[in-house]
Amino acid sequence: MTNPGRYAKGIAKRDEILTRAVEVVGRAGPRTAYLTDIADAVGLTPAGLLHYFDSKEELFTEVLRKRDQVDVAQHWPKASEVEDLAHLRRGYVDIIRHNAEVPGLVQLFTRMCADAPDPSHPAHRLFLERGRKLRAYFATGIAALQARGELDASIDPEMMARILQAVSDGLQLQWMIEPDVDMAAGVDALFALLTPRPDATDESAKP
């Protein structure tokens, strides 16, 4: 018979591990022994740490899931509450800028992304869900802006959402190879292309 108290403690410990893991991995550098560092942070051995997860791959997958939860809560406005393009732009650029402050998490994301196409890998479902939610978020915000006349109605919200995801993911990979790449500036430049120039209407009316 399952002990409810023991189960609750296990859930709490697992959440503590993931919370600390996000902090530990975030400040880690390349080739850091994540498993050992996380175990040390929560007072466990690596073997004891994996008692709460099916595998090392599942642990790292859940670390990325936890990271997304924290980032959404701290940096992103709800798509239904996007006030204007600048609001949507600011939220996304802020989170990309934050990524530059947590290199270990970006490195872990990039590594797991390479394994995620395998349907049997724990990260496969996470990356599928993550991509769908991210694109739905952008598509909803873009459609709302189009309805208010702030964006060209000919833009396909779904395709633009996919482009936004592709640009940020691609810039992260470039940044891992070339640390001087400004990821936030790259994403901001894409939004600048979407932003109508104040004088665009006047210029189009000129002979």
Protein backbone atom coordinates (compact mmCIF):
# COMPACT_ATOMS: atom_id res chain seq x y z
CA MET A 1 0.00 0.00 0.00
CA THR A 2 1.36 3.42 -0.98
CA ASN A 3 2.29 5.71 1.89
CA PRO A 4 0.72 9.15 1.08
CA GLY A 5 3.17 10.97 3.32
CA ARG A 6 6.17 9.33 1.72
CA TYR A 7 4.79 10.02 -1.75
CA ALA A 8 4.25 13.70 -0.92
CA LYS A 9 7.80 13.99 0.42
CA GLY A 10 9.11 12.41 -2.75
CA ILE A 11 7.23 14.91 -4.90
CA ALA A 12 8.53 17.79 -2.76
CA LYS A 13 12.10 16.52 -2.98
CA ARG A 14 11.84 16.11 -6.72
CA ASP A 15 10.63 19.70 -7.07
CA GLU A 16 13.46 20.91 -4.82
CA ILE A 17 15.95 19.07 -7.01
CA LEU A 18 14.59 20.65 -10.18
CA THR A 19 14.52 24.15 -8.67
CA ARG A 20 18.13 23.87 -7.55
CA ALA A 21 19.14 22.18 -10.79
CA VAL A 22 17.91 25.16 -12.82
CA GLU A 23 20.15 27.40 -10.69
CA VAL A 24 23.16 25.08 -10.81
CA VAL A 25 23.01 24.33 -14.53
CA GLY A 26 22.22 27.95 -15.37
CA ARG A 27 25.49 29.25 -13.99
CA ALA A 28 27.58 26.27 -15.14
CA GLY A 29 30.07 26.51 -17.93
CA PRO A 30 30.77 24.16 -20.83
CA ARG A 31 31.47 20.50 -20.05
CA THR A 32 30.44 20.88 -16.40
CA ALA A 33 29.56 17.66 -14.57
CA TYR A 34 25.90 18.60 -14.13
CA LEU A 35 24.88 15.43 -12.32
CA THR A 36 27.53 15.76 -9.62
CA ASP A 37 26.94 19.49 -9.18
CA ILE A 38 23.18 19.06 -8.82
CA ALA A 39 23.60 16.19 -6.36
CA ASP A 40 25.97 18.28 -4.24
CA ALA A 41 23.50 21.19 -4.23
CA VAL A 42 20.71 19.07 -2.74
CA GLY A 43 22.84 16.97 -0.42
CA LEU A 44 22.65 13.71 -2.34
CA THR A 45 24.98 11.40 -4.19
CA PRO A 46 24.51 11.12 -7.97
CA ALA A 47 22.96 7.69 -7.41
CA GLY A 48 20.64 9.10 -4.75
CA LEU A 49 19.68 11.92 -7.08
CA LEU A 50 18.62 9.50 -9.81
CA HIS A 51 16.39 7.70 -7.31
CA TYR A 52 13.84 10.45 -8.04
CA PHE A 53 14.05 10.08 -11.85
CA ASP A 54 13.97 7.18 -14.27
CA SER A 55 17.26 8.20 -15.88
CA LYS A 56 19.77 11.00 -16.29
CA GLU A 57 18.03 11.95 -19.54
CA GLU A 58 14.69 12.28 -17.74
CA LEU A 59 16.29 14.46 -15.07
CA PHE A 60 17.73 16.85 -17.65
CA THR A 61 14.45 16.88 -19.58
CA GLU A 62 12.59 17.91 -16.43
CA VAL A 63 15.22 20.56 -15.71
CA LEU A 64 14.40 22.16 -19.07
CA ARG A 65 10.67 21.88 -18.35
CA LYS A 66 11.17 23.61 -14.99
CA ARG A 67 13.27 26.29 -16.64
CA ASP A 68 10.48 27.04 -19.11
CA GLN A 69 7.94 27.32 -16.28
CA VAL A 70 10.13 29.81 -14.43
CA ASP A 71 10.90 31.86 -17.54
CA VAL A 72 7.25 32.12 -18.59
CA ALA A 73 6.23 33.24 -15.10
CA GLN A 74 8.97 35.86 -14.86
CA HIS A 75 9.31 37.27 -18.36
CA TRP A 76 6.34 36.67 -20.65
CA PRO A 77 3.00 38.45 -20.82
CA LYS A 78 0.02 36.22 -21.56
CA ALA A 79 -0.73 36.18 -25.28
CA SER A 80 -4.30 37.34 -24.56
CA GLU A 81 -2.89 40.32 -22.67
CA VAL A 82 -0.43 41.53 -25.30
CA GLU A 83 -1.03 45.27 -25.55
CA ASP A 84 0.84 46.00 -28.76
CA LEU A 85 3.75 44.76 -30.88
CA ALA A 86 6.24 46.52 -28.62
CA HIS A 87 4.86 44.57 -25.65
CA LEU A 88 5.24 41.24 -27.44
CA ARG A 89 8.68 42.26 -28.69
CA ARG A 90 9.90 43.34 -25.28
CA GLY A 91 8.83 40.13 -23.58
CA TYR A 92 10.57 37.88 -26.08
CA VAL A 93 13.74 39.96 -26.31
CA ASP A 94 13.94 40.04 -22.50
CA ILE A 95 13.83 36.26 -22.25
CA ILE A 96 16.48 35.87 -24.96
CA ARG A 97 18.67 38.37 -23.15
CA HIS A 98 18.15 36.39 -19.94
CA ASN A 99 19.34 33.24 -21.76
CA ALA A 100 22.75 34.85 -22.21
CA GLU A 101 23.01 34.95 -18.40
CA VAL A 102 22.40 31.20 -18.01
CA PRO A 103 24.86 29.57 -20.44
CA GLY A 104 24.60 26.13 -18.88
CA LEU A 105 20.86 25.96 -19.58
CA VAL A 106 21.37 27.07 -23.16
CA GLN A 107 24.05 24.42 -23.58
CA LEU A 108 21.79 21.76 -22.05
CA PHE A 109 18.91 22.82 -24.30
CA THR A 110 21.12 22.57 -27.38
CA ARG A 111 22.41 19.14 -26.40
CA MET A 112 18.95 17.79 -25.65
CA CYS A 113 17.62 19.27 -28.90
CA ALA A 114 19.99 16.98 -30.79
CA ASP A 115 18.50 13.93 -29.03
CA ALA A 116 14.85 15.04 -29.09
CA PRO A 117 14.02 13.77 -32.61
CA ASP A 118 14.21 10.22 -31.23
CA PRO A 119 10.61 9.36 -30.18
CA SER A 120 11.93 7.10 -27.42
CA HIS A 121 13.98 9.86 -25.79
CA PRO A 122 12.39 11.60 -22.75
CA ALA A 123 12.99 15.01 -24.35
CA HIS A 124 10.98 14.17 -27.49
CA ARG A 125 7.59 14.93 -25.96
CA LEU A 126 8.89 18.02 -24.16
CA PHE A 127 10.27 19.57 -27.33
CA LEU A 128 7.07 18.79 -29.25
CA GLU A 129 4.89 20.36 -26.55
CA ARG A 130 7.25 23.27 -26.06
CA GLY A 131 7.30 24.12 -29.76
CA ARG A 132 3.53 23.90 -30.09
CA LYS A 133 2.91 26.09 -27.04
CA LEU A 134 5.49 28.65 -28.10
CA ARG A 135 4.08 28.93 -31.60
CA ALA A 136 0.51 29.08 -30.32
CA TYR A 137 1.54 31.90 -28.00
CA PHE A 138 3.04 33.94 -30.82
CA ALA A 139 0.28 33.13 -33.30
CA THR A 140 -2.37 34.27 -30.82
CA GLY A 141 -0.52 37.50 -30.10
CA ILE A 142 0.14 38.22 -33.78
CA ALA A 143 -3.49 37.54 -34.74
CA ALA A 144 -4.67 39.91 -32.01
CA LEU A 145 -2.37 42.64 -33.31
CA GLN A 146 -3.62 42.07 -36.85
CA ALA A 147 -7.21 42.39 -35.67
CA ARG A 148 -6.33 45.79 -34.22
CA GLY A 149 -4.64 46.88 -37.43
CA GLU A 150 -1.12 46.95 -35.96
CA LEU A 151 0.30 44.26 -38.24
CA ASP A 152 -0.06 43.48 -41.94
CA ALA A 153 -3.05 41.16 -42.25
CA SER A 154 -1.28 39.21 -45.02
CA ILE A 155 1.22 37.79 -42.53
CA ASP A 156 0.46 34.17 -41.66
CA PRO A 157 0.47 34.08 -37.83
CA GLU A 158 1.36 30.37 -37.73
CA MET A 159 4.30 30.72 -40.12
CA MET A 160 5.59 33.88 -38.44
CA ALA A 161 5.41 32.09 -35.09
CA ARG A 162 7.53 29.26 -36.51
CA ILE A 163 10.05 31.77 -37.89
CA LEU A 164 10.34 33.45 -34.50
CA GLN A 165 11.03 30.09 -32.88
CA ALA A 166 13.56 29.14 -35.55
CA VAL A 167 15.46 32.41 -35.23
CA SER A 168 15.80 32.18 -31.45
CA ASP A 169 16.79 28.50 -31.51
CA GLY A 170 19.30 29.13 -34.29
CA LEU A 171 20.84 32.11 -32.54
CA GLN A 172 21.31 30.02 -29.40
CA LEU A 173 23.36 27.49 -31.37
CA GLN A 174 25.41 30.26 -32.96
CA TRP A 175 26.01 31.80 -29.54
CA MET A 176 27.28 28.49 -28.15
CA ILE A 177 29.89 28.44 -30.92
CA GLU A 178 30.54 32.19 -31.04
CA PRO A 179 29.96 33.71 -27.58
CA ASP A 180 30.13 37.26 -28.95
CA VAL A 181 26.88 36.77 -30.90
CA ASP A 182 24.16 39.04 -29.47
CA MET A 183 21.10 36.78 -29.40
CA ALA A 184 18.76 39.48 -28.10
CA ALA A 185 19.82 41.90 -30.82
CA GLY A 186 19.15 39.27 -33.48
CA VAL A 187 15.62 38.62 -32.25
CA ASP A 188 15.01 42.35 -31.86
CA ALA A 189 16.11 42.91 -35.46
CA LEU A 190 13.47 40.44 -36.66
CA PHE A 191 10.77 42.31 -34.74
CA ALA A 192 12.02 45.57 -36.26
CA LEU A 193 11.19 44.15 -39.69
CA LEU A 194 7.63 43.53 -38.50
CA THR A 195 7.19 47.00 -37.06
CA PRO A 196 5.52 49.44 -39.48
CA ARG A 197 7.50 52.64 -40.00
CA PRO A 198 5.55 55.71 -38.84
CA ASP A 199 6.10 57.39 -42.21
CA ALA A 200 5.33 54.32 -44.35
CA THR A 201 1.83 55.53 -45.29
CA ASP A 202 3.03 59.02 -46.12
CA GLU A 203 5.85 57.73 -48.34
CA SER A 204 3.56 55.38 -50.23
CA ALA A 205 1.34 58.33 -51.07
CA LYS A 206 4.19 60.36 -52.61
CA PRO A 207 4.25 60.62 -56.42
